[in-house]
Each structure stands twice: as structure tokens, then as C-alpha cells.
Amino acid sequence: MWLFVVVLVIALMIPITAILLDSPLGRSLARRLEGQTDGGGGRGKEVRELERRVDVLESDLQDLTRSLTGMREELQFVQRLLEDPKKKSP
């Protein structure tokens, strides 16, 4: 009798395990385990990629700031010319 119960429990655990592993929870667990087996390199790559993107954005921001400063100076020059065209710029 006990042997029949053990075989039945094992037989029922196989499809239950397959259903759980194929679920989103099982896939999430598998991704997490894969990340741990490669030494966390996946996270390191993501962090390095984000750092690179931040550096690119910072350099673009500096370029835009320089451009905006130049445009302000040009606008001030044009305004001075429009106010008094006979007056020479310093």
C-alpha cells in the first residue's frame, strides 16, 4: 500500500514540477540562478553599460551648455547692434 502511495506522489510531482518551472515564477527563478552561476557578470555588464550611457549623456550636456553659452553671447551682440548700430562693439 505504501509503495503505491509513494509511486502515486512521485507520478503527480512530475507534472506539477513541469507546470511550476514553465510558469513566469519558474523562469524568473531560472534567470536568477543563471546570474549567480556566472559570478554576477550580467549585473556588472548592465552597470558598465549604464555608466557608459551616463558618460555619453554628460558629454552631450556639456556640448549643449557650451553651444547655449555661445548663442547667448551672439544674441547679446546682435541686441547691442540693434540698439545702436553706429556704436562699435568693445
Protein backbone atom coordinates (compact mmCIF):
# COMPACT_ATOMS: atom_id res chain seq x y z
CA MET A 1 0.00 0.00 0.00
CA TRP A 2 2.78 2.45 0.95
CA LEU A 3 4.61 1.68 -2.22
CA PHE A 4 1.53 2.59 -4.23
CA VAL A 5 1.23 5.95 -2.39
CA VAL A 6 4.92 6.78 -2.97
CA VAL A 7 4.68 5.95 -6.68
CA LEU A 8 1.48 8.00 -6.96
CA VAL A 9 3.04 11.01 -5.22
CA ILE A 10 6.13 10.84 -7.44
CA ALA A 11 3.94 10.48 -10.53
CA LEU A 12 1.92 13.56 -9.55
CA MET A 13 5.01 15.62 -8.68
CA ILE A 14 6.42 15.34 -12.22
CA PRO A 15 3.63 17.32 -13.96
CA ILE A 16 3.34 19.77 -11.05
CA THR A 17 7.08 20.47 -11.26
CA ALA A 18 6.87 20.93 -15.03
CA ILE A 19 3.98 23.39 -14.67
CA LEU A 20 5.82 25.40 -12.00
CA LEU A 21 9.06 25.52 -13.99
CA ASP A 22 7.26 26.70 -17.12
CA SER A 23 5.46 29.48 -15.24
CA PRO A 24 6.74 33.08 -15.08
CA LEU A 25 7.84 32.42 -11.50
CA GLY A 26 9.93 29.44 -12.62
CA ARG A 27 11.50 31.42 -15.46
CA SER A 28 12.33 34.25 -13.09
CA LEU A 29 13.97 31.80 -10.71
CA ALA A 30 15.95 30.28 -13.60
CA ARG A 31 17.20 33.72 -14.71
CA ARG A 32 18.27 34.50 -11.16
CA LEU A 33 20.11 31.18 -10.87
CA GLU A 34 21.86 31.78 -14.21
CA GLY A 35 23.03 35.16 -12.94
CA GLN A 36 24.51 33.59 -9.83
CA THR A 37 26.36 30.86 -11.72
CA ASP A 38 28.27 33.28 -13.96
CA GLY A 39 29.57 35.25 -11.00
CA GLY A 40 27.08 38.08 -11.34
CA GLY A 41 28.65 39.18 -14.61
CA GLY A 42 25.27 40.05 -16.05
CA ARG A 43 24.72 42.76 -13.48
CA GLY A 44 28.24 44.05 -13.96
CA LYS A 45 27.65 44.38 -17.70
CA GLU A 46 24.41 46.26 -17.09
CA VAL A 47 26.11 48.62 -14.66
CA ARG A 48 29.01 49.25 -17.06
CA GLU A 49 26.55 49.91 -19.89
CA LEU A 50 24.62 52.37 -17.73
CA GLU A 51 27.86 54.11 -16.69
CA ARG A 52 28.84 54.43 -20.35
CA ARG A 53 25.45 55.87 -21.24
CA VAL A 54 25.63 58.36 -18.37
CA ASP A 55 29.10 59.45 -19.54
CA VAL A 56 27.80 59.97 -23.07
CA LEU A 57 24.84 61.97 -21.77
CA GLU A 58 27.11 64.11 -19.58
CA SER A 59 29.39 64.91 -22.51
CA ASP A 60 26.36 65.76 -24.67
CA LEU A 61 25.09 68.02 -21.90
CA GLN A 62 28.45 69.81 -21.73
CA ASP A 63 28.40 70.31 -25.50
CA LEU A 64 24.88 71.72 -25.33
CA THR A 65 25.87 74.03 -22.48
CA ARG A 66 28.81 75.39 -24.49
CA SER A 67 26.55 75.83 -27.50
CA LEU A 68 23.94 77.64 -25.44
CA THR A 69 26.57 79.95 -23.94
CA GLY A 70 27.82 80.83 -27.43
CA MET A 71 24.28 81.53 -28.59
CA ARG A 72 23.69 83.83 -25.61
CA GLU A 73 26.82 85.78 -26.44
CA GLU A 74 25.78 86.07 -30.10
CA LEU A 75 22.29 87.20 -29.09
CA GLN A 76 23.72 89.87 -26.79
CA PHE A 77 25.97 91.08 -29.62
CA VAL A 78 23.05 91.28 -32.06
CA GLN A 79 20.94 93.11 -29.46
CA ARG A 80 23.71 95.67 -28.94
CA LEU A 81 23.95 96.16 -32.69
CA LEU A 82 20.19 96.63 -32.99
CA GLU A 83 20.10 99.12 -30.12
CA ASP A 84 22.78 101.37 -31.56
CA PRO A 85 24.16 100.32 -34.95
CA LYS A 86 26.65 103.20 -35.05
CA LYS A 87 28.22 102.22 -31.73
CA LYS A 88 31.10 99.77 -32.16
CA SER A 89 31.29 96.66 -30.01
CA PRO A 90 34.02 96.70 -27.31
